[in-house]
Amino acid sequence: VLENTVGEALNGTTVLNTISLLKGARLLRVHDVKEAMECIRLVQKTQGL
């Protein structure tokens, strides 16, 4: 959709991970573990989980 290179894809990936978590996903398959964990923690804190 954004026509980004692999190196530029992190922002889009984080947005899609966030949407997935908000819709109930309990498992994310990722390559950028640190960034994914930050995303998970932010969603948990903002959603009171």
C-alpha atoms as a PDB file:
ATOM      1  CA  VAL A   1       0.000   0.000   0.000  1.00  0.00           C
ATOM      2  CA  LEU A   2       2.723   2.489   0.984  1.00  0.00           C
ATOM      3  CA  GLU A   3       5.297   1.114  -1.469  1.00  0.00           C
ATOM      4  CA  ASN A   4       8.051   1.310   1.180  1.00  0.00           C
ATOM      5  CA  THR A   5      11.249  -0.684   1.163  1.00  0.00           C
ATOM      6  CA  VAL A   6      11.789  -3.332   3.826  1.00  0.00           C
ATOM      7  CA  GLY A   7      13.929  -0.858   5.764  1.00  0.00           C
ATOM      8  CA  GLU A   8      11.113   1.688   5.753  1.00  0.00           C
ATOM      9  CA  ALA A   9       8.308  -0.650   6.766  1.00  0.00           C
ATOM     10  CA  LEU A  10       8.542  -0.424  10.566  1.00  0.00           C
ATOM     11  CA  ASN A  11       5.980   2.375  11.013  1.00  0.00           C
ATOM     12  CA  GLY A  12       3.385   0.579   8.924  1.00  0.00           C
ATOM     13  CA  THR A  13       4.086  -2.692  10.696  1.00  0.00           C
ATOM     14  CA  THR A  14       3.657  -1.044  14.092  1.00  0.00           C
ATOM     15  CA  VAL A  15       0.333   0.488  13.061  1.00  0.00           C
ATOM     16  CA  LEU A  16      -0.943  -2.854  11.786  1.00  0.00           C
ATOM     17  CA  ASN A  17       0.273  -4.616  14.940  1.00  0.00           C
ATOM     18  CA  THR A  18      -1.595  -2.045  17.043  1.00  0.00           C
ATOM     19  CA  ILE A  19      -4.805  -2.522  15.072  1.00  0.00           C
ATOM     20  CA  SER A  20      -4.461  -6.298  15.397  1.00  0.00           C
ATOM     21  CA  LEU A  21      -3.998  -6.072  19.159  1.00  0.00           C
ATOM     22  CA  LEU A  22      -6.978  -3.734  19.526  1.00  0.00           C
ATOM     23  CA  LYS A  23      -9.090  -6.235  17.569  1.00  0.00           C
ATOM     24  CA  GLY A  24      -8.110  -9.037  19.928  1.00  0.00           C
ATOM     25  CA  ALA A  25      -4.935 -10.587  18.518  1.00  0.00           C
ATOM     26  CA  ARG A  26      -3.003 -12.511  21.152  1.00  0.00           C
ATOM     27  CA  LEU A  27      -0.050 -13.446  18.955  1.00  0.00           C
ATOM     28  CA  LEU A  28       2.092 -11.331  16.648  1.00  0.00           C
ATOM     29  CA  ARG A  29       4.711 -12.824  14.329  1.00  0.00           C
ATOM     30  CA  VAL A  30       7.467 -10.225  14.104  1.00  0.00           C
ATOM     31  CA  HIS A  31      11.088  -9.713  13.180  1.00  0.00           C
ATOM     32  CA  ASP A  32      11.526  -6.488  15.177  1.00  0.00           C
ATOM     33  CA  VAL A  33      10.965  -7.903  18.657  1.00  0.00           C
ATOM     34  CA  LYS A  34      11.965  -4.818  20.674  1.00  0.00           C
ATOM     35  CA  GLU A  35       9.654  -2.546  18.707  1.00  0.00           C
ATOM     36  CA  ALA A  36       6.805  -5.068  18.845  1.00  0.00           C
ATOM     37  CA  MET A  37       7.150  -5.376  22.623  1.00  0.00           C
ATOM     38  CA  GLU A  38       6.962  -1.585  22.951  1.00  0.00           C
ATOM     39  CA  CYS A  39       3.800  -1.643  20.855  1.00  0.00           C
ATOM     40  CA  ILE A  40       2.292  -4.391  23.017  1.00  0.00           C
ATOM     41  CA  ARG A  41       3.135  -2.537  26.241  1.00  0.00           C
ATOM     42  CA  LEU A  42       1.647   0.712  24.926  1.00  0.00           C
ATOM     43  CA  VAL A  43      -1.580  -1.011  23.903  1.00  0.00           C
ATOM     44  CA  GLN A  44      -1.776  -2.792  27.256  1.00  0.00           C
ATOM     45  CA  LYS A  45      -1.247   0.445  29.218  1.00  0.00           C
ATOM     46  CA  THR A  46      -3.660   2.530  27.159  1.00  0.00           C
ATOM     47  CA  GLN A  47      -6.351  -0.156  27.212  1.00  0.00           C
ATOM     48  CA  GLY A  48      -5.984  -0.913  30.915  1.00  0.00           C
ATOM     49  CA  LEU A  49      -4.819  -4.478  30.286  1.00  0.00           C
END
